[in-house]
Every structure is written in structure tokens, then in C-alpha cells.
N, C-alpha and C. Protein backbone atom coordinates (compact mmCIF):
# COMPACT_ATOMS: atom_id res chain seq x y z
N MET A 1 3.76 -17.72 11.07
CA MET A 1 3.26 -17.42 9.75
C MET A 1 3.31 -15.91 9.50
N SER A 2 3.17 -15.51 8.28
CA SER A 2 3.32 -14.12 7.88
C SER A 2 2.05 -13.29 8.11
N PHE A 3 2.22 -11.98 7.98
CA PHE A 3 1.13 -11.03 8.08
C PHE A 3 1.09 -10.24 6.78
N ILE A 4 -0.09 -10.09 6.20
CA ILE A 4 -0.25 -9.35 4.95
C ILE A 4 -1.05 -8.08 5.24
N ALA A 5 -0.44 -6.94 4.92
CA ALA A 5 -1.07 -5.64 5.10
C ALA A 5 -1.46 -5.11 3.73
N MET A 6 -2.75 -4.76 3.59
CA MET A 6 -3.24 -4.29 2.30
C MET A 6 -4.02 -2.99 2.49
N ASN A 7 -3.86 -2.09 1.55
CA ASN A 7 -4.68 -0.89 1.47
C ASN A 7 -5.36 -0.89 0.12
N ARG A 8 -6.68 -0.70 0.13
CA ARG A 8 -7.43 -0.60 -1.13
C ARG A 8 -7.65 0.87 -1.45
N PHE A 9 -7.45 1.20 -2.73
CA PHE A 9 -7.59 2.56 -3.21
C PHE A 9 -8.59 2.59 -4.36
N LYS A 10 -9.53 3.49 -4.33
CA LYS A 10 -10.41 3.75 -5.46
C LYS A 10 -9.83 4.95 -6.20
N VAL A 11 -9.29 4.69 -7.39
CA VAL A 11 -8.62 5.71 -8.18
C VAL A 11 -9.54 6.15 -9.33
N ARG A 12 -9.75 7.46 -9.41
CA ARG A 12 -10.62 8.00 -10.47
C ARG A 12 -10.15 7.54 -11.84
N LEU A 13 -11.10 7.14 -12.68
CA LEU A 13 -10.75 6.77 -14.05
C LEU A 13 -10.06 7.95 -14.73
N GLY A 14 -8.99 7.66 -15.42
CA GLY A 14 -8.18 8.71 -16.05
C GLY A 14 -7.01 9.15 -15.19
N SER A 15 -6.99 8.76 -13.91
CA SER A 15 -5.91 9.15 -12.99
C SER A 15 -4.98 7.98 -12.68
N GLU A 16 -5.17 6.87 -13.35
CA GLU A 16 -4.37 5.67 -13.04
C GLU A 16 -2.88 5.91 -13.22
N ALA A 17 -2.48 6.53 -14.34
CA ALA A 17 -1.05 6.74 -14.60
C ALA A 17 -0.43 7.64 -13.53
N ASP A 18 -1.14 8.70 -13.13
CA ASP A 18 -0.63 9.58 -12.07
C ASP A 18 -0.48 8.83 -10.76
N PHE A 19 -1.49 8.03 -10.42
CA PHE A 19 -1.44 7.26 -9.18
C PHE A 19 -0.26 6.28 -9.19
N GLU A 20 -0.10 5.58 -10.29
CA GLU A 20 1.00 4.61 -10.39
C GLU A 20 2.36 5.31 -10.33
N SER A 21 2.48 6.48 -10.93
CA SER A 21 3.77 7.19 -10.92
C SER A 21 4.14 7.64 -9.51
N VAL A 22 3.14 7.99 -8.70
CA VAL A 22 3.44 8.36 -7.31
C VAL A 22 4.13 7.19 -6.61
N TRP A 23 3.63 5.99 -6.83
CA TRP A 23 4.21 4.80 -6.19
C TRP A 23 5.57 4.45 -6.78
N LYS A 24 5.70 4.56 -8.09
CA LYS A 24 6.97 4.22 -8.75
C LYS A 24 8.08 5.19 -8.39
N ASP A 25 7.74 6.46 -8.22
CA ASP A 25 8.74 7.50 -7.99
C ASP A 25 9.10 7.71 -6.53
N ARG A 26 8.32 7.16 -5.62
CA ARG A 26 8.61 7.42 -4.21
C ARG A 26 9.75 6.53 -3.72
N GLU A 27 10.44 7.04 -2.72
CA GLU A 27 11.56 6.30 -2.14
C GLU A 27 11.01 5.29 -1.14
N SER A 28 11.17 4.03 -1.48
CA SER A 28 10.71 2.98 -0.56
C SER A 28 11.86 2.61 0.37
N ARG A 29 11.55 2.55 1.64
CA ARG A 29 12.57 2.18 2.62
C ARG A 29 12.15 0.92 3.38
N LEU A 30 11.21 0.19 2.79
CA LEU A 30 10.71 -1.03 3.43
C LEU A 30 11.82 -2.03 3.70
N LYS A 31 12.78 -2.14 2.79
CA LYS A 31 13.85 -3.13 2.95
C LYS A 31 14.73 -2.86 4.17
N GLU A 32 14.63 -1.66 4.72
CA GLU A 32 15.42 -1.32 5.91
C GLU A 32 14.82 -1.93 7.18
N LEU A 33 13.59 -2.42 7.09
CA LEU A 33 12.88 -2.85 8.28
C LEU A 33 12.89 -4.36 8.49
N GLN A 34 13.00 -4.72 9.74
CA GLN A 34 12.97 -6.12 10.12
C GLN A 34 11.61 -6.72 9.75
N GLY A 35 11.63 -7.88 9.15
CA GLY A 35 10.41 -8.61 8.87
C GLY A 35 9.78 -8.33 7.52
N PHE A 36 10.29 -7.32 6.78
CA PHE A 36 9.73 -7.04 5.47
C PHE A 36 10.10 -8.17 4.51
N GLN A 37 9.10 -8.66 3.75
CA GLN A 37 9.34 -9.71 2.78
C GLN A 37 9.13 -9.23 1.34
N GLU A 38 7.98 -8.59 1.09
CA GLU A 38 7.63 -8.28 -0.30
C GLU A 38 6.58 -7.18 -0.37
N PHE A 39 6.70 -6.35 -1.42
CA PHE A 39 5.69 -5.31 -1.70
C PHE A 39 5.20 -5.49 -3.13
N ARG A 40 3.90 -5.32 -3.33
CA ARG A 40 3.30 -5.29 -4.66
C ARG A 40 2.21 -4.22 -4.68
N LEU A 41 2.12 -3.51 -5.81
CA LEU A 41 0.98 -2.64 -6.06
C LEU A 41 0.14 -3.36 -7.09
N LEU A 42 -1.09 -3.65 -6.74
CA LEU A 42 -1.98 -4.44 -7.58
C LEU A 42 -3.02 -3.55 -8.23
N LYS A 43 -3.24 -3.77 -9.52
CA LYS A 43 -4.25 -3.03 -10.29
C LYS A 43 -5.42 -3.97 -10.50
N GLY A 44 -6.58 -3.56 -10.03
CA GLY A 44 -7.75 -4.43 -10.06
C GLY A 44 -8.79 -4.00 -11.08
N PRO A 45 -10.00 -4.44 -10.85
CA PRO A 45 -11.07 -4.19 -11.81
C PRO A 45 -11.56 -2.74 -11.77
N GLU A 46 -12.26 -2.40 -12.83
CA GLU A 46 -12.89 -1.09 -12.94
C GLU A 46 -14.24 -1.15 -12.23
N GLY A 47 -14.54 -0.09 -11.48
CA GLY A 47 -15.83 0.03 -10.82
C GLY A 47 -16.61 1.18 -11.43
N ASP A 48 -17.54 1.71 -10.69
CA ASP A 48 -18.37 2.82 -11.15
C ASP A 48 -17.59 4.13 -11.03
N GLY A 49 -16.83 4.48 -12.05
CA GLY A 49 -16.06 5.71 -12.06
C GLY A 49 -14.68 5.59 -11.45
N TYR A 50 -14.23 4.40 -11.13
CA TYR A 50 -12.91 4.22 -10.53
C TYR A 50 -12.27 2.90 -10.96
N ARG A 51 -10.96 2.83 -10.72
CA ARG A 51 -10.20 1.60 -10.87
C ARG A 51 -9.71 1.23 -9.48
N LEU A 52 -9.88 -0.01 -9.10
CA LEU A 52 -9.45 -0.48 -7.78
C LEU A 52 -7.97 -0.85 -7.81
N TYR A 53 -7.24 -0.36 -6.83
CA TYR A 53 -5.83 -0.72 -6.62
C TYR A 53 -5.69 -1.23 -5.20
N SER A 54 -4.64 -2.03 -4.97
CA SER A 54 -4.33 -2.47 -3.62
C SER A 54 -2.81 -2.51 -3.44
N SER A 55 -2.34 -1.91 -2.35
CA SER A 55 -0.94 -2.11 -1.96
C SER A 55 -0.93 -3.37 -1.09
N HIS A 56 0.04 -4.21 -1.31
CA HIS A 56 0.07 -5.54 -0.71
C HIS A 56 1.48 -5.76 -0.16
N VAL A 57 1.61 -5.79 1.16
CA VAL A 57 2.92 -5.93 1.78
C VAL A 57 2.91 -7.16 2.67
N ILE A 58 3.91 -8.01 2.49
CA ILE A 58 4.03 -9.22 3.31
C ILE A 58 5.13 -8.98 4.34
N TRP A 59 4.77 -9.23 5.59
CA TRP A 59 5.69 -9.10 6.73
C TRP A 59 5.85 -10.47 7.38
N ASP A 60 6.94 -10.64 8.13
CA ASP A 60 7.14 -11.90 8.86
C ASP A 60 6.01 -12.14 9.85
N ASN A 61 5.55 -11.05 10.49
CA ASN A 61 4.49 -11.18 11.50
C ASN A 61 3.85 -9.82 11.76
N ARG A 62 2.78 -9.82 12.51
CA ARG A 62 2.04 -8.59 12.81
C ARG A 62 2.90 -7.59 13.59
N SER A 63 3.74 -8.08 14.46
CA SER A 63 4.60 -7.19 15.25
C SER A 63 5.55 -6.39 14.37
N ASP A 64 6.12 -7.03 13.34
CA ASP A 64 7.00 -6.31 12.43
C ASP A 64 6.23 -5.24 11.66
N PHE A 65 5.00 -5.55 11.26
CA PHE A 65 4.16 -4.55 10.59
C PHE A 65 3.88 -3.38 11.54
N ALA A 66 3.53 -3.69 12.78
CA ALA A 66 3.24 -2.62 13.75
C ALA A 66 4.47 -1.73 13.97
N ALA A 67 5.66 -2.33 14.00
CA ALA A 67 6.89 -1.55 14.16
C ALA A 67 7.08 -0.62 12.96
N TRP A 68 6.74 -1.08 11.77
CA TRP A 68 6.81 -0.25 10.56
C TRP A 68 5.94 0.98 10.70
N THR A 69 4.73 0.82 11.22
CA THR A 69 3.80 1.95 11.32
C THR A 69 4.27 2.99 12.33
N LYS A 70 5.22 2.65 13.18
CA LYS A 70 5.73 3.58 14.18
C LYS A 70 7.13 4.09 13.82
N SER A 71 7.62 3.71 12.64
CA SER A 71 9.00 4.02 12.27
C SER A 71 9.14 5.35 11.52
N GLN A 72 10.37 5.85 11.50
CA GLN A 72 10.67 7.04 10.70
C GLN A 72 10.48 6.73 9.22
N GLN A 73 10.78 5.51 8.80
CA GLN A 73 10.60 5.13 7.41
C GLN A 73 9.13 5.25 7.00
N PHE A 74 8.21 4.88 7.89
CA PHE A 74 6.78 5.01 7.63
C PHE A 74 6.40 6.48 7.47
N ARG A 75 6.86 7.31 8.40
CA ARG A 75 6.56 8.75 8.33
C ARG A 75 7.10 9.35 7.03
N ASP A 76 8.32 8.96 6.65
CA ASP A 76 8.91 9.48 5.41
C ASP A 76 8.11 9.02 4.19
N ALA A 77 7.68 7.75 4.17
CA ALA A 77 6.95 7.21 3.03
C ALA A 77 5.58 7.85 2.85
N HIS A 78 5.00 8.34 3.95
CA HIS A 78 3.64 8.89 3.90
C HIS A 78 3.59 10.41 4.00
N LYS A 79 4.75 11.06 3.98
CA LYS A 79 4.77 12.52 4.18
C LYS A 79 4.06 13.28 3.07
N ASN A 80 3.98 12.71 1.87
CA ASN A 80 3.29 13.38 0.76
C ASN A 80 1.96 12.73 0.42
N ALA A 81 1.43 11.93 1.32
CA ALA A 81 0.19 11.21 1.04
C ALA A 81 -0.98 12.16 0.78
N GLY A 82 -0.95 13.33 1.34
CA GLY A 82 -2.04 14.26 1.15
C GLY A 82 -1.78 15.30 0.07
N ASN A 83 -0.75 15.07 -0.75
CA ASN A 83 -0.45 16.08 -1.76
C ASN A 83 -1.53 16.10 -2.85
N GLY A 84 -1.55 17.14 -3.64
CA GLY A 84 -2.59 17.34 -4.63
C GLY A 84 -2.71 16.21 -5.64
N LYS A 85 -1.58 15.69 -6.12
CA LYS A 85 -1.60 14.63 -7.13
C LYS A 85 -2.28 13.37 -6.59
N THR A 86 -1.94 13.01 -5.38
CA THR A 86 -2.52 11.80 -4.78
C THR A 86 -3.98 12.02 -4.44
N GLN A 87 -4.28 13.12 -3.76
CA GLN A 87 -5.65 13.39 -3.33
C GLN A 87 -6.62 13.51 -4.49
N SER A 88 -6.20 14.17 -5.56
CA SER A 88 -7.10 14.35 -6.70
C SER A 88 -7.36 13.04 -7.44
N ALA A 89 -6.47 12.07 -7.30
CA ALA A 89 -6.64 10.78 -7.97
C ALA A 89 -7.60 9.85 -7.21
N LEU A 90 -7.76 10.07 -5.90
CA LEU A 90 -8.51 9.13 -5.07
C LEU A 90 -9.97 9.53 -4.88
N ILE A 91 -10.79 8.51 -4.78
CA ILE A 91 -12.18 8.69 -4.36
C ILE A 91 -12.25 8.14 -2.94
N GLY A 92 -12.17 9.02 -1.98
CA GLY A 92 -12.18 8.62 -0.57
C GLY A 92 -10.83 8.14 -0.09
N PRO A 93 -10.73 7.90 1.21
CA PRO A 93 -9.46 7.45 1.81
C PRO A 93 -9.21 5.97 1.51
N PRO A 94 -7.95 5.53 1.63
CA PRO A 94 -7.67 4.11 1.45
C PRO A 94 -8.34 3.30 2.55
N GLN A 95 -8.61 2.05 2.24
CA GLN A 95 -9.22 1.13 3.22
C GLN A 95 -8.19 0.07 3.58
N PHE A 96 -7.79 0.04 4.86
CA PHE A 96 -6.79 -0.93 5.32
C PHE A 96 -7.44 -2.26 5.63
N GLU A 97 -6.71 -3.33 5.29
CA GLU A 97 -7.09 -4.69 5.67
C GLU A 97 -5.82 -5.43 6.06
N GLY A 98 -5.83 -6.10 7.19
CA GLY A 98 -4.68 -6.88 7.64
C GLY A 98 -5.07 -8.33 7.82
N PHE A 99 -4.19 -9.23 7.38
CA PHE A 99 -4.49 -10.66 7.42
C PHE A 99 -3.30 -11.45 7.97
N GLU A 100 -3.58 -12.37 8.87
CA GLU A 100 -2.56 -13.30 9.31
C GLU A 100 -2.68 -14.57 8.51
N THR A 101 -1.55 -15.07 8.03
CA THR A 101 -1.54 -16.29 7.24
C THR A 101 -1.84 -17.49 8.15
N VAL A 102 -2.79 -18.30 7.74
CA VAL A 102 -3.10 -19.51 8.49
C VAL A 102 -2.73 -20.78 7.70
N LEU A 103 -2.54 -20.60 6.40
CA LEU A 103 -2.16 -21.74 5.54
C LEU A 103 -1.34 -21.19 4.39
N TYR A 104 -0.22 -21.82 4.08
CA TYR A 104 0.62 -21.40 2.98
C TYR A 104 1.07 -22.63 2.22
N GLN A 105 0.92 -22.57 0.91
CA GLN A 105 1.39 -23.64 0.04
C GLN A 105 2.21 -23.03 -1.06
N ASN A 106 3.31 -23.66 -1.37
CA ASN A 106 4.19 -23.16 -2.42
C ASN A 106 4.46 -24.25 -3.43
């Protein structure tokens, strides 16, 4: 079964467009990696001074995800993670959550 890797982001209200543009404009190299299935950036509900976002990546398995985190593609994708545009948009660091699929229906 698959592995789903998610990061939750609290984005300051008014910074949503900047945050989304960082994701849209960055060079994704996920397709180069074994086990990559799908990526989505999800826009969630508004909280107290923030909008919740989640990056949602489906991998064939946990091992393929772990290989991604050790790859040059991962380092390249995250090299600007601490830049001013990204940092000023966020309230705190992203929160990682990983899930193994136990049931799938299509």
C-alpha cells in the first residue's frame, strides 16, 4: 500500500498568494524519483490569523519517501525554504505527518 507524506503550514492571512506562488514557481523534480505518484497543495480553512495549507504527496511506500528525503532533488527543492518570502508568510515551522495506507477504495 502507499505512503502519504503531508506538511501542514499556517500561512498568515494576506500572504496566501505569495505562499501559493512559491509552490507554483518552484522546480519540482518529484517525477524523477522512484515511487512518486502524486502531489497536491491543499488550501484549508481559516484559523485565528492564518489560513491552513497542506502539501500532500503520495508515494508507493515509506522507503521511497525516505529515499526522497535523502536525495539531491529534495535538497534542491528545499534550498530556498528559509527565504524571506516563505518565512514571512508562515506562522511557525511546517508540521510533518506521514501515513501508511491501510485501506483504499476507488
